[in-house]
Amino acid sequence: MEGDLAQWVAALRRDIHMHPELSGEEVRTTKIVTEILQELGLEVRQWEDMTGAVGILRGSSRGPTLALRADMDALPIEELNEVPYRSQVPGVMHACGHDAHTAIMLGVARAVVSSPWRPDMKGNLVFLFQPAEERVSGAREMISRGVLEDPPVDLVMACHVVPDIPAGFVGLFRGPSHASADSFSLIVRGKGAHGGRPNEGVDPIVAGAHFVCALQTLVSRNIKPTEPAVVTIGKFWAGSVGNVIPEVAELEGTVRALSEDVRKRLLERLGELREGMDRSFGVKSELKLRESVPVCINDEKVSLLLHEVATEILGEEKVLWLQPSMGAEDFSLFAQIKPSAIMRLGCAKELESRDNYAPLHSPRFDIDESCLMVGVRIFTEAARRVLS
């Protein structure tokens, strides 16, 4: 039976991989998900103005409600892998493994429905097939539509494949797993002038350059050395020729932290540095903050439950406690509301060398498909423990 399920999950993952869809455009994937959920007898909910779906499997008596979340969107990347299931959509690829997440959770649904404990299941099992994780908007949209409220969810679990852990291994977190992520843009307005007569103008490039340098002190001189934080400028645009001082410079960057206190402090200091730049250089600037997602905090009890289940299935040596990442994950929005945990699912071939290692978001990213059933088995058993 498990062999048939493994083949089914792998084939499903390959089909989704071949037909990737960008954030908010997961129409085909949503259709596949809803058709499978309906065939399995789950109650299905959708929205006319948004992709994604919810599947609800109700128990025979009262009990807790466990939600399992899978993200579904792909990235605007041209796949370079020469495999039979290579993306058939030019410029779009499942380079972050969301095809695997979707297939795994559909595999869990199929496994639970056919399990011997299903008739006596207490409570509810809710599947959240979420769009637009890469745009970090899907979780917020789903939450706003009440997916955690009817039925009232008690705990949430998810997984994410990672190529820096071999297939057959998993990792969990004590506390934070992913950083907060806030983006910002800064428009610096000066006064244009001839490059040979800079005294006649107000140079936004010099002001912006000093701002970039000052930003480096936000972490090194404002945050405790034991508190992880990152401030990065990824875009600095100004001017068109070398002998003209331009009117405007534009900067964009990201701020990341592993605690809300540090996050708040960094954003406050960002504004203060901007004000100081204006006074010091005579420019007029506009800072726009776009708060994205908070720190993802894993609930201790939920993490321990997954750790116990994974240890029983895989063996203690293959279940790791991991350090948090400075990457962001909009699963943090679920974790902000309900006790939650996200599991790292190793997907690398054990003998893979660093020379051919393909990280997440790489055009050569792929998975060892044996990891799929690792995820199915762990989440199915976790559901059994919570609901039976």
Foldseek 3Di string as FASTA:
>chain_A
DVVVLLVVLVVQLLQLQQEAAAFQGCPVVQVVLVVLLVVLPWDKDDDPRTGWIKTKQFAPAAAAEEEEEAEGHWAQAAFDDPDPSHHPDGRTGRLFCSSLQSSLVSSLSNCLSPDPCRNHWHGMYMYTHWGDFVVLCGVVVVVVVPSCVVVPHAEYEYETEWAVAAFLFKEWEAWFAEWWKKKKKKKKFKAKDWLVCCVVIQASVVLVVVLQVVLVCLPVPVHPPVWDKDKDKDDWDDDDDDGMRGGIIMIMIMIIGQDPVSVVSSVVVNVVSVVVSCVVRVIDMDMDMGGRAHTQTAAPVVRVLLLVLLCVVRNNVRYYYDDHDHHDTSVSVVVVPHRYIYMYGYFHHPPDDPVPRAGRPGSHDDGNSSSSVSSSSSVSVSSVVRTD
